[in-house]
Amino acid sequence: MTNKILGYVLLAVGVLMIIIPIINTYNIFTGKAMPAQVFTRPPSLQVKDNISVTDIPGQIQNALVKALPVDFINNSLNLVTWLLLGWILVYGGGKVADIGIKLLKEVK
């Protein structure tokens, strides 16, 4: 009897671990929510106007900031981080639900 109850609890927890990240991912991709801000924009990365000709690192930094905006990089990294976390939760939820199903099959 306890295996049956534990099996149903594990199955429900596993299904919730699968459904919640999928709903959150859908909300992120439709623009209703933002992913967790793990990466933020460093305040020092800005385009500088008064760079001398001999300041090669400053010129390279300006070129990179103009070519790849820091906000784009941060948003992409935050999205990839959320997708990785969501995948881990869905995979773990599948394993938890699988254990619950095995417990239910064992009872019958």
PDB file of N, CA and C in Angstrom:
ATOM      1  N   MET A   1       0.809  -1.204   0.000  1.00  0.00           N
ATOM      2  CA  MET A   1       0.000   0.000   0.000  1.00  0.00           C
ATOM      3  C   MET A   1       0.850   1.263   0.000  1.00  0.00           C
ATOM      4  N   THR A   2       1.935   1.240   0.794  1.00  0.00           N
ATOM      5  CA  THR A   2       2.793   2.429   0.830  1.00  0.00           C
ATOM      6  C   THR A   2       3.535   2.614  -0.494  1.00  0.00           C
ATOM      7  N   ASN A   3       3.868   1.489  -1.150  1.00  0.00           N
ATOM      8  CA  ASN A   3       4.519   1.610  -2.457  1.00  0.00           C
ATOM      9  C   ASN A   3       3.584   2.252  -3.482  1.00  0.00           C
ATOM     10  N   LYS A   4       2.313   1.940  -3.385  1.00  0.00           N
ATOM     11  CA  LYS A   4       1.343   2.514  -4.315  1.00  0.00           C
ATOM     12  C   LYS A   4       1.206   4.018  -4.087  1.00  0.00           C
ATOM     13  N   ILE A   5       1.112   4.429  -2.828  1.00  0.00           N
ATOM     14  CA  ILE A   5       1.004   5.866  -2.523  1.00  0.00           C
ATOM     15  C   ILE A   5       2.278   6.587  -2.936  1.00  0.00           C
ATOM     16  N   LEU A   6       3.431   6.008  -2.602  1.00  0.00           N
ATOM     17  CA  LEU A   6       4.712   6.614  -2.974  1.00  0.00           C
ATOM     18  C   LEU A   6       4.856   6.681  -4.492  1.00  0.00           C
ATOM     19  N   GLY A   7       4.385   5.657  -5.182  1.00  0.00           N
ATOM     20  CA  GLY A   7       4.439   5.652  -6.643  1.00  0.00           C
ATOM     21  C   GLY A   7       3.622   6.778  -7.247  1.00  0.00           C
ATOM     22  N   TYR A   8       2.414   6.990  -6.728  1.00  0.00           N
ATOM     23  CA  TYR A   8       1.576   8.087  -7.228  1.00  0.00           C
ATOM     24  C   TYR A   8       2.179   9.455  -6.895  1.00  0.00           C
ATOM     25  N   VAL A   9       2.762   9.579  -5.711  1.00  0.00           N
ATOM     26  CA  VAL A   9       3.397  10.855  -5.328  1.00  0.00           C
ATOM     27  C   VAL A   9       4.588  11.144  -6.240  1.00  0.00           C
ATOM     28  N   LEU A  10       5.429  10.140  -6.468  1.00  0.00           N
ATOM     29  CA  LEU A  10       6.586  10.340  -7.342  1.00  0.00           C
ATOM     30  C   LEU A  10       6.154  10.625  -8.776  1.00  0.00           C
ATOM     31  N   LEU A  11       5.116   9.973  -9.227  1.00  0.00           N
ATOM     32  CA  LEU A  11       4.607  10.238 -10.571  1.00  0.00           C
ATOM     33  C   LEU A  11       4.104  11.670 -10.681  1.00  0.00           C
ATOM     34  N   ALA A  12       3.366  12.142  -9.685  1.00  0.00           N
ATOM     35  CA  ALA A  12       2.846  13.514  -9.709  1.00  0.00           C
ATOM     36  C   ALA A  12       3.980  14.539  -9.638  1.00  0.00           C
ATOM     37  N   VAL A  13       4.962  14.287  -8.773  1.00  0.00           N
ATOM     38  CA  VAL A  13       6.105  15.207  -8.666  1.00  0.00           C
ATOM     39  C   VAL A  13       6.883  15.241  -9.974  1.00  0.00           C
ATOM     40  N   GLY A  14       7.093  14.090 -10.583  1.00  0.00           N
ATOM     41  CA  GLY A  14       7.814  14.028 -11.854  1.00  0.00           C
ATOM     42  C   GLY A  14       7.093  14.771 -12.962  1.00  0.00           C
ATOM     43  N   VAL A  15       5.778  14.598 -13.031  1.00  0.00           N
ATOM     44  CA  VAL A  15       5.003  15.297 -14.066  1.00  0.00           C
ATOM     45  C   VAL A  15       5.052  16.806 -13.837  1.00  0.00           C
ATOM     46  N   LEU A  16       4.972  17.243 -12.578  1.00  0.00           N
ATOM     47  CA  LEU A  16       5.079  18.680 -12.285  1.00  0.00           C
ATOM     48  C   LEU A  16       6.464  19.212 -12.638  1.00  0.00           C
ATOM     49  N   MET A  17       7.501  18.399 -12.388  1.00  0.00           N
ATOM     50  CA  MET A  17       8.858  18.817 -12.747  1.00  0.00           C
ATOM     51  C   MET A  17       9.026  18.931 -14.258  1.00  0.00           C
ATOM     52  N   ILE A  18       8.193  18.286 -15.010  1.00  0.00           N
ATOM     53  CA  ILE A  18       8.243  18.386 -16.465  1.00  0.00           C
ATOM     54  C   ILE A  18       7.387  19.554 -16.944  1.00  0.00           C
ATOM     55  N   ILE A  19       6.194  19.709 -16.407  1.00  0.00           N
ATOM     56  CA  ILE A  19       5.246  20.713 -16.905  1.00  0.00           C
ATOM     57  C   ILE A  19       5.668  22.142 -16.571  1.00  0.00           C
ATOM     58  N   ILE A  20       6.127  22.385 -15.345  1.00  0.00           N
ATOM     59  CA  ILE A  20       6.446  23.761 -14.925  1.00  0.00           C
ATOM     60  C   ILE A  20       7.566  24.383 -15.767  1.00  0.00           C
ATOM     61  N   PRO A  21       8.696  23.709 -16.006  1.00  0.00           N
ATOM     62  CA  PRO A  21       9.710  24.334 -16.869  1.00  0.00           C
ATOM     63  C   PRO A  21       9.235  24.548 -18.308  1.00  0.00           C
ATOM     64  N   ILE A  22       8.387  23.661 -18.803  1.00  0.00           N
ATOM     65  CA  ILE A  22       7.877  23.831 -20.164  1.00  0.00           C
ATOM     66  C   ILE A  22       6.990  25.065 -20.245  1.00  0.00           C
ATOM     67  N   ILE A  23       6.144  25.275 -19.239  1.00  0.00           N
ATOM     68  CA  ILE A  23       5.296  26.473 -19.225  1.00  0.00           C
ATOM     69  C   ILE A  23       6.153  27.733 -19.109  1.00  0.00           C
ATOM     70  N   ASN A  24       7.159  27.708 -18.230  1.00  0.00           N
ATOM     71  CA  ASN A  24       8.039  28.870 -18.085  1.00  0.00           C
ATOM     72  C   ASN A  24       8.814  29.152 -19.368  1.00  0.00           C
ATOM     73  N   THR A  25       9.279  28.123 -20.031  1.00  0.00           N
ATOM     74  CA  THR A  25      10.003  28.308 -21.294  1.00  0.00           C
ATOM     75  C   THR A  25       9.083  28.893 -22.357  1.00  0.00           C
ATOM     76  N   TYR A  26       7.841  28.421 -22.415  1.00  0.00           N
ATOM     77  CA  TYR A  26       6.871  28.985 -23.357  1.00  0.00           C
ATOM     78  C   TYR A  26       6.653  30.466 -23.074  1.00  0.00           C
ATOM     79  N   ASN A  27       6.518  30.824 -21.798  1.00  0.00           N
ATOM     80  CA  ASN A  27       6.325  32.234 -21.437  1.00  0.00           C
ATOM     81  C   ASN A  27       7.537  33.082 -21.791  1.00  0.00           C
ATOM     82  N   ILE A  28       8.718  32.536 -21.666  1.00  0.00           N
ATOM     83  CA  ILE A  28       9.931  33.278 -22.026  1.00  0.00           C
ATOM     84  C   ILE A  28       9.988  33.498 -23.532  1.00  0.00           C
ATOM     85  N   PHE A  29       9.695  32.479 -24.309  1.00  0.00           N
ATOM     86  CA  PHE A  29       9.786  32.617 -25.761  1.00  0.00           C
ATOM     87  C   PHE A  29       8.658  33.444 -26.353  1.00  0.00           C
ATOM     88  N   THR A  30       7.534  33.551 -25.664  1.00  0.00           N
ATOM     89  CA  THR A  30       6.456  34.413 -26.159  1.00  0.00           C
ATOM     90  C   THR A  30       6.578  35.838 -25.638  1.00  0.00           C
ATOM     91  N   GLY A  31       7.558  36.101 -24.772  1.00  0.00           N
ATOM     92  CA  GLY A  31       7.792  37.455 -24.284  1.00  0.00           C
ATOM     93  C   GLY A  31       6.975  37.829 -23.064  1.00  0.00           C
ATOM     94  N   LYS A  32       6.272  36.894 -22.475  1.00  0.00           N
ATOM     95  CA  LYS A  32       5.478  37.183 -21.277  1.00  0.00           C
ATOM     96  C   LYS A  32       6.357  37.247 -20.026  1.00  0.00           C
ATOM     97  N   ALA A  33       7.518  36.620 -20.069  1.00  0.00           N
ATOM     98  CA  ALA A  33       8.435  36.609 -18.930  1.00  0.00           C
ATOM     99  C   ALA A  33       9.865  36.705 -19.445  1.00  0.00           C
ATOM    100  N   MET A  34      10.762  37.064 -18.558  1.00  0.00           N
ATOM    101  CA  MET A  34      12.182  37.131 -18.887  1.00  0.00           C
ATOM    102  C   MET A  34      12.895  35.976 -18.184  1.00  0.00           C
ATOM    103  N   PRO A  35      13.953  35.440 -18.799  1.00  0.00           N
ATOM    104  CA  PRO A  35      14.712  34.414 -18.093  1.00  0.00           C
ATOM    105  C   PRO A  35      15.440  35.026 -16.904  1.00  0.00           C
ATOM    106  N   ALA A  36      15.850  34.205 -15.978  1.00  0.00           N
ATOM    107  CA  ALA A  36      16.590  34.688 -14.814  1.00  0.00           C
ATOM    108  C   ALA A  36      17.855  35.413 -15.280  1.00  0.00           C
ATOM    109  N   GLN A  37      18.130  36.554 -14.693  1.00  0.00           N
ATOM    110  CA  GLN A  37      19.276  37.366 -15.090  1.00  0.00           C
ATOM    111  C   GLN A  37      20.526  36.894 -14.354  1.00  0.00           C
ATOM    112  N   VAL A  38      21.142  35.847 -14.870  1.00  0.00           N
ATOM    113  CA  VAL A  38      22.371  35.318 -14.293  1.00  0.00           C
ATOM    114  C   VAL A  38      23.539  36.199 -14.697  1.00  0.00           C
ATOM    115  N   PHE A  39      23.545  36.634 -15.943  1.00  0.00           N
ATOM    116  CA  PHE A  39      24.607  37.482 -16.468  1.00  0.00           C
ATOM    117  C   PHE A  39      24.075  38.902 -16.602  1.00  0.00           C
ATOM    118  N   THR A  40      24.859  39.869 -16.149  1.00  0.00           N
ATOM    119  CA  THR A  40      24.468  41.268 -16.268  1.00  0.00           C
ATOM    120  C   THR A  40      25.536  42.037 -17.020  1.00  0.00           C
ATOM    121  N   ARG A  41      25.157  43.194 -17.504  1.00  0.00           N
ATOM    122  CA  ARG A  41      26.067  44.018 -18.302  1.00  0.00           C
ATOM    123  C   ARG A  41      27.086  44.691 -17.395  1.00  0.00           C
ATOM    124  N   PRO A  42      28.373  44.513 -17.691  1.00  0.00           N
ATOM    125  CA  PRO A  42      29.386  45.228 -16.907  1.00  0.00           C
ATOM    126  C   PRO A  42      29.337  46.717 -17.250  1.00  0.00           C
ATOM    127  N   PRO A  43      29.438  47.587 -16.256  1.00  0.00           N
ATOM    128  CA  PRO A  43      29.302  49.025 -16.516  1.00  0.00           C
ATOM    129  C   PRO A  43      30.455  49.622 -17.314  1.00  0.00           C
ATOM    130  N   SER A  44      31.595  48.935 -17.366  1.00  0.00           N
ATOM    131  CA  SER A  44      32.761  49.517 -18.039  1.00  0.00           C
ATOM    132  C   SER A  44      32.741  49.330 -19.555  1.00  0.00           C
ATOM    133  N   LEU A  45      31.846  48.493 -20.081  1.00  0.00           N
ATOM    134  CA  LEU A  45      31.832  48.250 -21.515  1.00  0.00           C
ATOM    135  C   LEU A  45      30.896  49.230 -22.213  1.00  0.00           C
ATOM    136  N   GLN A  46      31.427  50.357 -22.575  1.00  0.00           N
ATOM    137  CA  GLN A  46      30.679  51.362 -23.301  1.00  0.00           C
ATOM    138  C   GLN A  46      31.560  51.894 -24.427  1.00  0.00           C
ATOM    139  N   VAL A  47      30.948  52.405 -25.454  1.00  0.00           N
ATOM    140  CA  VAL A  47      31.692  52.974 -26.566  1.00  0.00           C
ATOM    141  C   VAL A  47      32.289  54.304 -26.117  1.00  0.00           C
ATOM    142  N   LYS A  48      33.586  54.435 -26.293  1.00  0.00           N
ATOM    143  CA  LYS A  48      34.280  55.657 -25.891  1.00  0.00           C
ATOM    144  C   LYS A  48      34.530  56.511 -27.129  1.00  0.00           C
ATOM    145  N   ASP A  49      34.287  57.795 -26.993  1.00  0.00           N
ATOM    146  CA  ASP A  49      34.438  58.703 -28.130  1.00  0.00           C
ATOM    147  C   ASP A  49      35.861  59.213 -28.302  1.00  0.00           C
ATOM    148  N   ASN A  50      36.565  59.418 -27.231  1.00  0.00           N
ATOM    149  CA  ASN A  50      37.887  60.053 -27.323  1.00  0.00           C
ATOM    150  C   ASN A  50      39.007  59.030 -27.198  1.00  0.00           C
ATOM    151  N   ILE A  51      39.108  58.112 -28.149  1.00  0.00           N
ATOM    152  CA  ILE A  51      40.167  57.099 -28.168  1.00  0.00           C
ATOM    153  C   ILE A  51      41.276  57.604 -29.086  1.00  0.00           C
ATOM    154  N   SER A  52      42.492  57.538 -28.578  1.00  0.00           N
ATOM    155  CA  SER A  52      43.615  57.975 -29.412  1.00  0.00           C
ATOM    156  C   SER A  52      44.005  56.864 -30.384  1.00  0.00           C
ATOM    157  N   VAL A  53      44.797  57.233 -31.364  1.00  0.00           N
ATOM    158  CA  VAL A  53      45.219  56.285 -32.394  1.00  0.00           C
ATOM    159  C   VAL A  53      46.140  55.218 -31.799  1.00  0.00           C
ATOM    160  N   THR A  54      46.874  55.552 -30.758  1.00  0.00           N
ATOM    161  CA  THR A  54      47.819  54.605 -30.166  1.00  0.00           C
ATOM    162  C   THR A  54      47.164  53.656 -29.157  1.00  0.00           C
ATOM    163  N   ASP A  55      45.910  53.905 -28.817  1.00  0.00           N
ATOM    164  CA  ASP A  55      45.210  53.052 -27.849  1.00  0.00           C
ATOM    165  C   ASP A  55      44.536  51.890 -28.584  1.00  0.00           C
ATOM    166  N   ILE A  56      45.353  50.891 -28.929  1.00  0.00           N
ATOM    167  CA  ILE A  56      44.862  49.741 -29.689  1.00  0.00           C
ATOM    168  C   ILE A  56      43.815  48.932 -28.898  1.00  0.00           C
ATOM    169  N   PRO A  57      44.054  48.611 -27.619  1.00  0.00           N
ATOM    170  CA  PRO A  57      43.016  47.858 -26.890  1.00  0.00           C
ATOM    171  C   PRO A  57      41.682  48.606 -26.814  1.00  0.00           C
ATOM    172  N   GLY A  58      41.736  49.916 -26.674  1.00  0.00           N
ATOM    173  CA  GLY A  58      40.501  50.708 -26.640  1.00  0.00           C
ATOM    174  C   GLY A  58      39.774  50.671 -27.971  1.00  0.00           C
ATOM    175  N   GLN A  59      40.520  50.716 -29.060  1.00  0.00           N
ATOM    176  CA  GLN A  59      39.901  50.647 -30.384  1.00  0.00           C
ATOM    177  C   GLN A  59      39.273  49.272 -30.611  1.00  0.00           C
ATOM    178  N   ILE A  60      39.945  48.213 -30.160  1.00  0.00           N
ATOM    179  CA  ILE A  60      39.399  46.862 -30.316  1.00  0.00           C
ATOM    180  C   ILE A  60      38.128  46.717 -29.490  1.00  0.00           C
ATOM    181  N   GLN A  61      38.152  47.236 -28.265  1.00  0.00           N
ATOM    182  CA  GLN A  61      36.959  47.165 -27.417  1.00  0.00           C
ATOM    183  C   GLN A  61      35.807  47.925 -28.056  1.00  0.00           C
ATOM    184  N   ASN A  62      36.068  49.109 -28.611  1.00  0.00           N
ATOM    185  CA  ASN A  62      35.011  49.872 -29.279  1.00  0.00           C
ATOM    186  C   ASN A  62      34.438  49.098 -30.458  1.00  0.00           C
ATOM    187  N   ALA A  63      35.307  48.473 -31.242  1.00  0.00           N
ATOM    188  CA  ALA A  63      34.841  47.718 -32.409  1.00  0.00           C
ATOM    189  C   ALA A  63      33.983  46.528 -31.980  1.00  0.00           C
ATOM    190  N   LEU A  64      34.395  45.837 -30.922  1.00  0.00           N
ATOM    191  CA  LEU A  64      33.621  44.682 -30.454  1.00  0.00           C
ATOM    192  C   LEU A  64      32.285  45.105 -29.860  1.00  0.00           C
ATOM    193  N   VAL A  65      32.275  46.201 -29.109  1.00  0.00           N
ATOM    194  CA  VAL A  65      31.020  46.663 -28.504  1.00  0.00           C
ATOM    195  C   VAL A  65      30.046  47.121 -29.584  1.00  0.00           C
ATOM    196  N   LYS A  66      30.570  47.720 -30.657  1.00  0.00           N
ATOM    197  CA  LYS A  66      29.690  48.141 -31.754  1.00  0.00           C
ATOM    198  C   LYS A  66      29.192  46.946 -32.559  1.00  0.00           C
ATOM    199  N   ALA A  67      30.038  45.926 -32.753  1.00  0.00           N
ATOM    200  CA  ALA A  67      29.658  44.775 -33.577  1.00  0.00           C
ATOM    201  C   ALA A  67      28.710  43.838 -32.834  1.00  0.00           C
ATOM    202  N   LEU A  68      29.015  43.542 -31.585  1.00  0.00           N
ATOM    203  CA  LEU A  68      28.188  42.655 -30.770  1.00  0.00           C
ATOM    204  C   LEU A  68      27.751  43.412 -29.522  1.00  0.00           C
ATOM    205  N   PRO A  69      26.542  43.904 -29.494  1.00  0.00           N
ATOM    206  CA  PRO A  69      26.092  44.629 -28.308  1.00  0.00           C
ATOM    207  C   PRO A  69      26.121  43.734 -27.067  1.00  0.00           C
ATOM    208  N   VAL A  70      26.517  44.315 -25.949  1.00  0.00           N
ATOM    209  CA  VAL A  70      26.654  43.558 -24.716  1.00  0.00           C
ATOM    210  C   VAL A  70      25.298  43.024 -24.256  1.00  0.00           C
ATOM    211  N   ASP A  71      24.236  43.774 -24.479  1.00  0.00           N
ATOM    212  CA  ASP A  71      22.909  43.301 -24.086  1.00  0.00           C
ATOM    213  C   ASP A  71      22.520  42.039 -24.845  1.00  0.00           C
ATOM    214  N   PHE A  72      22.883  41.961 -26.125  1.00  0.00           N
ATOM    215  CA  PHE A  72      22.586  40.774 -26.921  1.00  0.00           C
ATOM    216  C   PHE A  72      23.319  39.560 -26.360  1.00  0.00           C
ATOM    217  N   ILE A  73      24.581  39.751 -26.019  1.00  0.00           N
ATOM    218  CA  ILE A  73      25.380  38.646 -25.469  1.00  0.00           C
ATOM    219  C   ILE A  73      24.808  38.207 -24.126  1.00  0.00           C
ATOM    220  N   ASN A  74      24.492  39.173 -23.251  1.00  0.00           N
ATOM    221  CA  ASN A  74      23.940  38.831 -21.934  1.00  0.00           C
ATOM    222  C   ASN A  74      22.596  38.127 -22.061  1.00  0.00           C
ATOM    223  N   ASN A  75      21.723  38.625 -22.914  1.00  0.00           N
ATOM    224  CA  ASN A  75      20.410  37.986 -23.090  1.00  0.00           C
ATOM    225  C   ASN A  75      20.556  36.575 -23.645  1.00  0.00           C
ATOM    226  N   SER A  76      21.482  36.386 -24.575  1.00  0.00           N
ATOM    227  CA  SER A  76      21.706  35.047 -25.129  1.00  0.00           C
ATOM    228  C   SER A  76      22.233  34.092 -24.070  1.00  0.00           C
ATOM    229  N   LEU A  77      23.182  34.556 -23.253  1.00  0.00           N
ATOM    230  CA  LEU A  77      23.719  33.703 -22.199  1.00  0.00           C
ATOM    231  C   LEU A  77      22.656  33.370 -21.151  1.00  0.00           C
ATOM    232  N   ASN A  78      21.818  34.350 -20.813  1.00  0.00           N
ATOM    233  CA  ASN A  78      20.736  34.094 -19.861  1.00  0.00           C
ATOM    234  C   ASN A  78      19.739  33.090 -20.420  1.00  0.00           C
ATOM    235  N   LEU A  79      19.439  33.181 -21.702  1.00  0.00           N
ATOM    236  CA  LEU A  79      18.505  32.249 -22.329  1.00  0.00           C
ATOM    237  C   LEU A  79      19.086  30.836 -22.372  1.00  0.00           C
ATOM    238  N   VAL A  80      20.351  30.720 -22.719  1.00  0.00           N
ATOM    239  CA  VAL A  80      20.997  29.405 -22.757  1.00  0.00           C
ATOM    240  C   VAL A  80      21.057  28.801 -21.353  1.00  0.00           C
ATOM    241  N   THR A  81      21.317  29.641 -20.351  1.00  0.00           N
ATOM    242  CA  THR A  81      21.339  29.159 -18.967  1.00  0.00           C
ATOM    243  C   THR A  81      19.978  28.629 -18.559  1.00  0.00           C
ATOM    244  N   TRP A  82      18.902  29.367 -18.906  1.00  0.00           N
ATOM    245  CA  TRP A  82      17.563  28.896 -18.567  1.00  0.00           C
ATOM    246  C   TRP A  82      17.231  27.592 -19.301  1.00  0.00           C
ATOM    247  N   LEU A  83      17.606  27.501 -20.578  1.00  0.00           N
ATOM    248  CA  LEU A  83      17.312  26.279 -21.326  1.00  0.00           C
ATOM    249  C   LEU A  83      18.045  25.074 -20.742  1.00  0.00           C
ATOM    250  N   LEU A  84      19.277  25.280 -20.298  1.00  0.00           N
ATOM    251  CA  LEU A  84      20.027  24.199 -19.675  1.00  0.00           C
ATOM    252  C   LEU A  84      19.370  23.775 -18.358  1.00  0.00           C
ATOM    253  N   LEU A  85      18.979  24.736 -17.545  1.00  0.00           N
ATOM    254  CA  LEU A  85      18.300  24.418 -16.290  1.00  0.00           C
ATOM    255  C   LEU A  85      16.953  23.738 -16.554  1.00  0.00           C
ATOM    256  N   GLY A  86      16.207  24.240 -17.535  1.00  0.00           N
ATOM    257  CA  GLY A  86      14.931  23.621 -17.880  1.00  0.00           C
ATOM    258  C   GLY A  86      15.102  22.195 -18.361  1.00  0.00           C
ATOM    259  N   TRP A  87      16.134  21.955 -19.162  1.00  0.00           N
ATOM    260  CA  TRP A  87      16.385  20.598 -19.651  1.00  0.00           C
ATOM    261  C   TRP A  87      16.723  19.669 -18.487  1.00  0.00           C
ATOM    262  N   ILE A  88      17.527  20.146 -17.541  1.00  0.00           N
ATOM    263  CA  ILE A  88      17.876  19.326 -16.379  1.00  0.00           C
ATOM    264  C   ILE A  88      16.623  18.991 -15.580  1.00  0.00           C
ATOM    265  N   LEU A  89      15.735  19.974 -15.388  1.00  0.00           N
ATOM    266  CA  LEU A  89      14.497  19.728 -14.637  1.00  0.00           C
ATOM    267  C   LEU A  89      13.580  18.737 -15.361  1.00  0.00           C
ATOM    268  N   VAL A  90      13.447  18.887 -16.665  1.00  0.00           N
ATOM    269  CA  VAL A  90      12.595  17.965 -17.432  1.00  0.00           C
ATOM    270  C   VAL A  90      13.178  16.559 -17.399  1.00  0.00           C
ATOM    271  N   TYR A  91      14.477  16.439 -17.560  1.00  0.00           N
ATOM    272  CA  TYR A  91      15.122  15.120 -17.524  1.00  0.00           C
ATOM    273  C   TYR A  91      14.958  14.486 -16.147  1.00  0.00           C
ATOM    274  N   GLY A  92      15.206  15.272 -15.095  1.00  0.00           N
ATOM    275  CA  GLY A  92      15.043  14.763 -13.737  1.00  0.00           C
ATOM    276  C   GLY A  92      13.603  14.390 -13.446  1.00  0.00           C
ATOM    277  N   GLY A  93      12.657  15.197 -13.929  1.00  0.00           N
ATOM    278  CA  GLY A  93      11.247  14.886 -13.745  1.00  0.00           C
ATOM    279  C   GLY A  93      10.872  13.579 -14.431  1.00  0.00           C
ATOM    280  N   GLY A  94      11.446  13.344 -15.591  1.00  0.00           N
ATOM    281  CA  GLY A  94      11.193  12.082 -16.288  1.00  0.00           C
ATOM    282  C   GLY A  94      11.703  10.890 -15.499  1.00  0.00           C
ATOM    283  N   LYS A  95      12.866  11.051 -14.890  1.00  0.00           N
ATOM    284  CA  LYS A  95      13.426   9.956 -14.086  1.00  0.00           C
ATOM    285  C   LYS A  95      12.600   9.717 -12.825  1.00  0.00           C
ATOM    286  N   VAL A  96      12.153  10.807 -12.177  1.00  0.00           N
ATOM    287  CA  VAL A  96      11.330  10.664 -10.972  1.00  0.00           C
ATOM    288  C   VAL A  96       9.998  10.000 -11.328  1.00  0.00           C
ATOM    289  N   ALA A  97       9.374  10.419 -12.421  1.00  0.00           N
ATOM    290  CA  ALA A  97       8.120   9.809 -12.848  1.00  0.00           C
ATOM    291  C   ALA A  97       8.334   8.341 -13.219  1.00  0.00           C
ATOM    292  N   ASP A  98       9.469   8.020 -13.811  1.00  0.00           N
ATOM    293  CA  ASP A  98       9.778   6.639 -14.166  1.00  0.00           C
ATOM    294  C   ASP A  98       9.889   5.760 -12.916  1.00  0.00           C
ATOM    295  N   ILE A  99      10.506   6.293 -11.870  1.00  0.00           N
ATOM    296  CA  ILE A  99      10.585   5.542 -10.615  1.00  0.00           C
ATOM    297  C   ILE A  99       9.188   5.322 -10.043  1.00  0.00           C
ATOM    298  N   GLY A 100       8.336   6.358 -10.115  1.00  0.00           N
ATOM    299  CA  GLY A 100       6.959   6.214  -9.646  1.00  0.00           C
ATOM    300  C   GLY A 100       6.191   5.165 -10.426  1.00  0.00           C
ATOM    301  N   ILE A 101       6.370   5.134 -11.729  1.00  0.00           N
ATOM    302  CA  ILE A 101       5.684   4.143 -12.567  1.00  0.00           C
ATOM    303  C   ILE A 101       6.171   2.735 -12.244  1.00  0.00           C
ATOM    304  N   LYS A 102       7.480   2.586 -12.014  1.00  0.00           N
ATOM    305  CA  LYS A 102       8.014   1.264 -11.647  1.00  0.00           C
ATOM    306  C   LYS A 102       7.445   0.795 -10.315  1.00  0.00           C
ATOM    307  N   LEU A 103       7.295   1.732  -9.370  1.00  0.00           N
ATOM    308  CA  LEU A 103       6.691   1.345  -8.088  1.00  0.00           C
ATOM    309  C   LEU A 103       5.234   0.929  -8.275  1.00  0.00           C
ATOM    310  N   LEU A 104       4.496   1.607  -9.141  1.00  0.00           N
ATOM    311  CA  LEU A 104       3.099   1.250  -9.387  1.00  0.00           C
ATOM    312  C   LEU A 104       2.983  -0.096 -10.082  1.00  0.00           C
ATOM    313  N   LYS A 105       3.897  -0.391 -11.006  1.00  0.00           N
ATOM    314  CA  LYS A 105       3.853  -1.688 -11.696  1.00  0.00           C
ATOM    315  C   LYS A 105       4.206  -2.823 -10.748  1.00  0.00           C
ATOM    316  N   GLU A 106       5.065  -2.531  -9.780  1.00  0.00           N
ATOM    317  CA  GLU A 106       5.508  -3.549  -8.831  1.00  0.00           C
ATOM    318  C   GLU A 106       4.367  -3.959  -7.904  1.00  0.00           C
ATOM    319  N   VAL A 107       3.463  -3.027  -7.622  1.00  0.00           N
ATOM    320  CA  VAL A 107       2.345  -3.296  -6.706  1.00  0.00           C
ATOM    321  C   VAL A 107       1.337  -4.235  -7.352  1.00  0.00           C
ATOM    322  N   LYS A 108       1.075  -4.094  -8.645  1.00  0.00           N
ATOM    323  CA  LYS A 108       0.024  -4.873  -9.317  1.00  0.00           C
ATOM    324  C   LYS A 108       0.424  -6.281  -9.561  1.00  0.00           C
TER     325      LYS A 108
END
